[in-house]
């Protein structure tokens, strides 16, 4: 399928946007929702409830803000922030869905919970695999970070305290976004903008760190799936697009100046593939990190109570500890 959106020239928005098309030019099936996931998981976890979408007291939400345009195609975000206070730390959230599905609304409860804890949260949509393959999603997330930093004064954001985080595929995307600062392959507008897309922390919630390991390929390169989710994103199986599967793996970009990283994992070990090996590279470099595993949980634990609030607590504690100057590496 021809990737129409990837042909558009990006326009990075720092003022008011005109009316634009927000739907992708290539129609595709998108069924990954909290409701559908609940129907699958409640059989194994009968005590779960879908986390509420209601906006809590003290939180203000501005929806459908366009942060980048590709021709007439607009990508948008919802901004969740405390009603009081300024110069607050911020988080850019990236939803999951196997790189080819999902909606930002799936992370609305988490965005609200973080706003309750004092963070400004940009909950973004980005181009999925049926519309634009790897590395387009990374370009989009970096554009969202740049947009948020450009609007820091307007929305009370501390431009020196911005984290990028995501869930499942979004966790992998967030890791790759945060760890590749300064790499023009992943940032189309780096040379044309004086505003940085760098972040000061990474939040990887049950996202892969290595596509190339034997264990990852067992799941992500399953020959019975044609294409697999990862294969759809990279445009081919591992044997066909080996270089891109390598480029998409955060483990290969570890360096001493990378942002500190929080790994939040479910009890489903396959989604933490590459984490320990990545940490083994980070330790000698003195990169700060923290690992928390929620026992007896489904992969998509962040969508449900009773895990939503503990997830927000872990994120808030990590960022507050980091930005108060008392961060440290821990398991």
Protein backbone atom coordinates (compact mmCIF):
# COMPACT_ATOMS: atom_id res chain seq x y z
CA UNK A 1 0.00 0.00 0.00
CA UNK A 2 1.35 3.41 -0.93
CA UNK A 3 2.16 5.48 2.15
CA UNK A 4 0.38 8.71 1.16
CA UNK A 5 0.94 10.65 4.36
CA UNK A 6 4.69 10.17 4.26
CA UNK A 7 4.79 12.27 1.07
CA UNK A 8 3.49 15.37 2.81
CA UNK A 9 5.80 18.14 3.97
CA UNK A 10 5.51 18.62 7.75
CA UNK A 11 4.37 21.98 9.06
CA UNK A 12 5.18 22.52 12.73
CA UNK A 13 2.55 24.68 14.33
CA UNK A 14 3.41 27.47 16.71
CA UNK A 15 0.31 29.58 16.16
CA UNK A 16 -3.35 29.07 15.34
CA UNK A 17 -4.13 26.34 12.82
CA UNK A 18 -6.59 26.58 9.97
CA UNK A 19 -9.30 23.99 9.46
CA UNK A 20 -7.63 20.77 8.31
CA UNK A 21 -8.32 17.09 7.74
CA UNK A 22 -7.68 15.05 10.87
CA UNK A 23 -8.62 11.58 9.57
CA UNK A 24 -5.87 9.52 7.90
CA UNK A 25 -5.99 9.49 4.09
CA UNK A 26 -5.78 5.68 4.07
CA UNK A 27 -8.82 4.09 5.79
CA UNK A 28 -8.03 1.09 7.98
CA UNK A 29 -9.58 -1.02 10.71
CA UNK A 30 -8.84 0.22 14.22
CA UNK A 31 -10.45 -1.83 16.98
CA UNK A 32 -8.05 -1.44 19.91
CA UNK A 33 -10.14 0.17 22.64
CA UNK A 34 -10.40 -0.19 26.40
CA UNK A 35 -13.84 -1.76 25.95
CA UNK A 36 -12.61 -4.45 23.56
CA UNK A 37 -9.61 -5.16 25.74
CA UNK A 38 -11.82 -5.44 28.82
CA UNK A 39 -13.89 -8.17 27.15
CA UNK A 40 -10.73 -10.22 26.68
CA UNK A 41 -9.13 -9.58 30.06
CA UNK A 42 -12.14 -9.79 32.40
CA UNK A 43 -12.25 -13.55 31.84
CA UNK A 44 -8.87 -13.84 33.54
CA UNK A 45 -9.14 -10.84 35.88
CA UNK A 46 -12.81 -10.68 36.95
CA UNK A 47 -12.20 -7.88 39.47
CA UNK A 48 -11.10 -5.27 36.91
CA UNK A 49 -13.05 -2.19 35.85
CA UNK A 50 -12.35 0.17 32.96
CA UNK A 51 -10.74 3.32 34.31
CA UNK A 52 -13.01 6.37 34.18
CA UNK A 53 -12.78 8.91 31.36
CA UNK A 54 -14.38 11.62 33.55
CA UNK A 55 -12.31 14.74 34.10
CA UNK A 56 -11.55 15.02 37.82
CA UNK A 57 -12.00 18.19 39.85
CA UNK A 58 -9.03 20.52 39.58
CA UNK A 59 -8.05 19.33 36.09
CA UNK A 60 -8.61 21.33 32.90
CA UNK A 61 -8.65 19.61 29.49
CA UNK A 62 -8.27 21.24 26.09
CA UNK A 63 -9.05 18.78 23.31
CA UNK A 64 -8.15 18.45 19.64
CA UNK A 65 -5.18 20.80 19.54
CA UNK A 66 -3.27 20.42 16.28
CA UNK A 67 0.47 20.04 16.86
CA UNK A 68 1.73 19.21 13.36
CA UNK A 69 0.39 19.13 9.80
CA UNK A 70 1.47 17.04 6.83
CA UNK A 71 -0.16 18.82 3.93
CA UNK A 72 -3.85 18.91 4.88
CA UNK A 73 -3.42 16.05 7.37
CA UNK A 74 -3.39 17.24 10.99
CA UNK A 75 -2.23 15.37 14.07
CA UNK A 76 -3.82 16.40 17.33
CA UNK A 77 -3.46 16.06 21.07
CA UNK A 78 -5.49 16.60 24.21
CA UNK A 79 -3.85 18.74 26.88
CA UNK A 80 -4.60 17.84 30.52
CA UNK A 81 -3.32 20.22 33.17
CA UNK A 82 -3.92 21.33 36.73
CA UNK A 83 -6.22 24.32 36.94
CA UNK A 84 -3.81 26.08 39.30
CA UNK A 85 -0.07 26.65 39.14
CA UNK A 86 2.57 27.43 36.54
CA UNK A 87 6.03 26.25 35.48
CA UNK A 88 4.94 22.65 35.90
CA UNK A 89 6.71 19.52 34.65
CA UNK A 90 5.12 17.89 31.62
CA UNK A 91 4.61 14.47 30.05
CA UNK A 92 3.95 13.61 26.41
CA UNK A 93 1.92 10.37 26.35
CA UNK A 94 1.97 7.90 23.44
CA UNK A 95 -0.79 5.27 23.27
CA UNK A 96 -0.26 1.65 22.30
CA UNK A 97 -1.94 -0.69 19.85
CA UNK A 98 0.76 -2.71 18.12
CA UNK A 99 2.01 0.23 16.01
CA UNK A 100 -1.04 -0.09 13.74
CA UNK A 101 -4.06 0.65 15.91
CA UNK A 102 -5.22 2.39 19.08
CA UNK A 103 -6.55 5.79 20.11
CA UNK A 104 -5.20 8.51 22.37
CA UNK A 105 -8.47 8.34 24.34
CA UNK A 106 -7.22 5.03 25.75
CA UNK A 107 -4.77 7.07 27.83
CA UNK A 108 -7.25 9.75 28.93
CA UNK A 109 -7.59 8.23 32.45
CA UNK A 110 -3.81 8.14 32.89
CA UNK A 111 -3.46 11.69 31.56
CA UNK A 112 -6.08 12.87 34.06
CA UNK A 113 -4.39 11.02 36.92
CA UNK A 114 -1.03 12.62 36.13
CA UNK A 115 -2.62 16.06 35.87
CA UNK A 116 -4.10 15.49 39.33
CA UNK A 117 -0.53 14.93 40.51
CA UNK A 118 0.67 18.25 39.14
CA UNK A 119 1.81 17.45 35.59
CA UNK A 120 0.80 19.01 32.29
CA UNK A 121 0.07 16.09 29.98
CA UNK A 122 -0.06 16.12 26.17
CA UNK A 123 -1.96 12.96 25.16
CA UNK A 124 -1.22 12.59 21.46
CA UNK A 125 -2.39 10.84 18.33
CA UNK A 126 0.26 9.85 15.79
CA UNK A 127 0.45 8.17 12.40
CA UNK A 128 -0.09 4.42 12.63
CA UNK A 129 1.44 1.79 10.35
CA UNK A 130 -1.38 1.62 7.78
CA UNK A 131 -0.89 5.34 7.17
CA UNK A 132 2.87 5.80 7.56
CA UNK A 133 5.50 3.22 8.49
CA UNK A 134 8.55 3.47 10.72
CA UNK A 135 10.05 5.95 11.60
CA UNK A 136 7.07 8.28 11.01
CA UNK A 137 5.68 7.78 14.53
CA UNK A 138 8.99 8.92 16.02
CA UNK A 139 8.89 12.04 13.84
CA UNK A 140 5.39 12.73 15.16
CA UNK A 141 6.27 12.35 18.84
CA UNK A 142 9.28 14.62 18.48
CA UNK A 143 7.02 17.17 16.77
CA UNK A 144 4.64 16.97 19.74
CA UNK A 145 7.50 17.55 22.19
CA UNK A 146 8.66 20.56 20.17
CA UNK A 147 5.08 21.92 20.07
CA UNK A 148 4.71 21.56 23.84
CA UNK A 149 8.02 23.29 24.49
CA UNK A 150 7.08 26.08 22.06
CA UNK A 151 3.85 26.61 24.00
CA UNK A 152 5.40 26.25 27.45
CA UNK A 153 4.54 29.77 28.56
CA UNK A 154 0.95 29.54 27.34
CA UNK A 155 0.27 26.31 29.21
CA UNK A 156 2.42 26.80 32.30
CA UNK A 157 5.02 24.18 31.38
CA UNK A 158 8.60 24.05 32.61
CA UNK A 159 10.44 23.54 29.29
CA UNK A 160 13.36 21.95 31.13
CA UNK A 161 11.24 19.19 32.65
CA UNK A 162 9.50 17.29 29.88
CA UNK A 163 9.18 13.50 29.84
CA UNK A 164 7.99 11.25 27.04
CA UNK A 165 6.13 8.09 27.97
CA UNK A 166 3.97 5.45 26.43
CA UNK A 167 2.24 2.13 26.85
CA UNK A 168 3.04 -1.09 24.96
CA UNK A 169 3.96 -0.03 21.40
CA UNK A 170 3.81 3.53 22.71
CA UNK A 171 6.39 2.62 25.36
CA UNK A 172 8.79 1.41 22.69
CA UNK A 173 8.11 4.55 20.63
CA UNK A 174 8.67 6.75 23.68
CA UNK A 175 11.97 5.03 24.49
CA UNK A 176 13.22 5.41 20.94
CA UNK A 177 12.08 9.04 20.85
CA UNK A 178 13.83 9.94 24.07
CA UNK A 179 17.07 8.09 23.48
CA UNK A 180 17.73 9.39 19.94
CA UNK A 181 18.08 13.09 20.71
CA UNK A 182 20.12 14.82 18.04
CA UNK A 183 19.70 12.08 15.42
CA UNK A 184 18.28 13.69 12.24
CA UNK A 185 16.97 10.34 10.99
CA UNK A 186 14.36 10.51 13.75
CA UNK A 187 13.77 14.27 13.75
CA UNK A 188 12.87 15.84 10.42
CA UNK A 189 12.75 19.39 11.74
CA UNK A 190 15.89 19.39 13.84
CA UNK A 191 17.86 21.61 11.45
CA UNK A 192 14.98 23.99 10.82
CA UNK A 193 13.92 24.79 14.36
CA UNK A 194 15.56 26.54 17.27
CA UNK A 195 13.22 24.66 19.63
CA UNK A 196 14.54 21.38 21.00
CA UNK A 197 12.67 18.07 20.88
CA UNK A 198 14.89 16.60 23.64
CA UNK A 199 13.30 15.20 26.78
CA UNK A 200 14.56 14.91 30.33
CA UNK A 201 13.00 11.51 31.15
CA UNK A 202 11.56 8.40 29.49
CA UNK A 203 8.61 6.32 30.74
CA UNK A 204 8.44 2.88 29.15
CA UNK A 205 5.27 1.09 30.22
CA UNK A 206 5.45 -2.53 29.03
CA UNK A 207 7.13 -1.67 25.73
CA UNK A 208 9.81 -3.67 23.93
CA UNK A 209 13.42 -2.55 24.04
CA UNK A 210 14.77 -4.96 21.41
CA UNK A 211 13.02 -6.24 18.28
CA UNK A 212 16.03 -8.26 17.15
CA UNK A 213 16.40 -10.76 20.00
CA UNK A 214 15.30 -14.34 19.45
CA UNK A 215 12.53 -14.01 22.05
CA UNK A 216 11.16 -10.81 20.54
CA UNK A 217 11.16 -12.28 17.04
CA UNK A 218 9.32 -15.36 18.30
CA UNK A 219 6.32 -13.12 18.98
CA UNK A 220 6.83 -10.15 16.70
CA UNK A 221 7.92 -12.08 13.61
CA UNK A 222 5.38 -14.90 13.93
CA UNK A 223 5.08 -16.51 10.45
CA UNK A 224 1.39 -17.25 11.07
CA UNK A 225 0.70 -13.52 11.07
CA UNK A 226 1.09 -11.92 7.68
CA UNK A 227 2.02 -9.29 8.47
CA UNK A 228 2.64 -9.20 12.19
CA UNK A 229 2.17 -5.90 13.99
CA UNK A 230 5.89 -5.16 13.90
CA UNK A 231 6.13 -6.41 10.32
CA UNK A 232 3.38 -4.00 9.35
CA UNK A 233 5.25 -1.10 10.97
CA UNK A 234 8.63 -1.93 9.47
CA UNK A 235 7.23 -2.88 6.08
CA UNK A 236 8.43 -6.48 6.13
CA UNK A 237 9.55 -9.46 8.18
CA UNK A 238 12.85 -9.46 10.08
CA UNK A 239 14.62 -11.25 7.23
CA UNK A 240 13.29 -8.66 4.76
CA UNK A 241 13.85 -5.47 6.78
CA UNK A 242 16.63 -6.46 9.20
CA UNK A 243 18.10 -2.97 9.23
CA UNK A 244 14.83 -1.33 10.20
CA UNK A 245 14.11 -3.87 12.95
CA UNK A 246 17.54 -2.97 14.30
CA UNK A 247 16.96 0.79 13.94
CA UNK A 248 13.66 0.46 15.83
CA UNK A 249 15.26 -1.14 18.90
CA UNK A 250 16.09 1.31 21.71
CA UNK A 251 18.74 -1.05 23.11
CA UNK A 252 21.13 -0.08 20.30
CA UNK A 253 21.11 3.63 21.16
CA UNK A 254 22.17 3.53 24.82
CA UNK A 255 24.63 6.32 25.64
CA UNK A 256 25.85 8.16 28.69
CA UNK A 257 23.84 11.33 28.04
CA UNK A 258 20.51 9.61 27.48
CA UNK A 259 17.58 10.61 29.73
CA UNK A 260 16.80 8.61 32.87
CA UNK A 261 14.21 5.91 32.24
CA UNK A 262 11.37 4.30 34.19
CA UNK A 263 10.39 0.76 33.24
CA UNK A 264 6.89 -0.19 34.38
CA UNK A 265 6.04 -3.77 33.51
CA UNK A 266 3.14 -6.18 33.75
CA UNK A 267 3.41 -9.82 34.74
CA UNK A 268 3.57 -10.71 31.02
CA UNK A 269 7.31 -11.09 30.55
CA UNK A 270 7.29 -10.98 26.74
CA UNK A 271 6.63 -7.24 26.82
CA UNK A 272 9.76 -6.53 28.83
CA UNK A 273 12.06 -8.13 26.27
CA UNK A 274 15.36 -6.27 26.03
CA UNK A 275 14.87 -4.33 29.27
CA UNK A 276 17.48 -6.17 31.33
CA UNK A 277 20.01 -6.13 28.52
CA UNK A 278 19.43 -2.43 28.04
CA UNK A 279 19.94 -1.79 31.76
CA UNK A 280 23.18 -3.79 31.62
CA UNK A 281 24.44 -1.27 29.05
CA UNK A 282 23.17 1.71 31.04
CA UNK A 283 24.67 0.76 34.41
CA UNK A 284 28.35 1.29 33.57
CA UNK A 285 27.44 4.65 32.03
CA UNK A 286 25.71 5.84 35.19
CA UNK A 287 22.32 6.33 33.52
CA UNK A 288 19.53 6.62 36.08
CA UNK A 289 16.68 4.13 35.90
CA UNK A 290 13.96 2.52 37.95
CA UNK A 291 12.11 -0.77 37.44
CA UNK A 292 8.70 -1.64 38.83
CA UNK A 293 6.78 -4.80 37.97
CA UNK A 294 3.10 -5.15 38.80
CA UNK A 295 2.42 -8.78 39.71
CA UNK A 296 -0.65 -10.70 38.56
CA UNK A 297 -1.56 -8.18 35.87
CA UNK A 298 -2.58 -8.27 32.22
CA UNK A 299 -0.40 -6.55 29.66
CA UNK A 300 -2.80 -3.59 29.46
CA UNK A 301 -3.00 -3.00 33.22
CA UNK A 302 -2.96 0.81 32.84
CA UNK A 303 -6.42 0.76 31.23
CA UNK A 304 -8.07 -0.65 34.33
CA UNK A 305 -8.72 -0.19 37.99
CA UNK A 306 -7.22 -1.22 40.36
CA UNK A 307 -3.93 -0.41 38.56
CA UNK A 308 -4.49 3.04 37.09
CA UNK A 309 -3.74 5.02 40.25
CA UNK A 310 -0.67 2.94 41.22
CA UNK A 311 0.66 3.45 37.69
CA UNK A 312 0.26 7.22 38.02
CA UNK A 313 1.83 7.09 41.48
CA UNK A 314 4.92 5.30 40.15
CA UNK A 315 5.34 7.80 37.31
CA UNK A 316 4.86 10.80 39.59
CA UNK A 317 7.26 9.45 42.21
CA UNK A 318 9.94 8.73 39.62
CA UNK A 319 9.73 12.18 38.02
CA UNK A 320 9.49 14.02 41.32
CA UNK A 321 12.50 12.13 42.67
CA UNK A 322 14.42 12.76 39.47
CA UNK A 323 13.66 16.44 39.19
CA UNK A 324 14.15 17.14 42.87
CA UNK A 325 17.76 16.06 42.45
CA UNK A 326 17.50 12.80 44.39
CA UNK A 327 17.19 10.35 41.51
CA UNK A 328 19.06 7.06 41.65
CA UNK A 329 19.27 3.78 39.78
CA UNK A 330 17.13 1.05 41.33
CA UNK A 331 15.46 -2.24 40.60
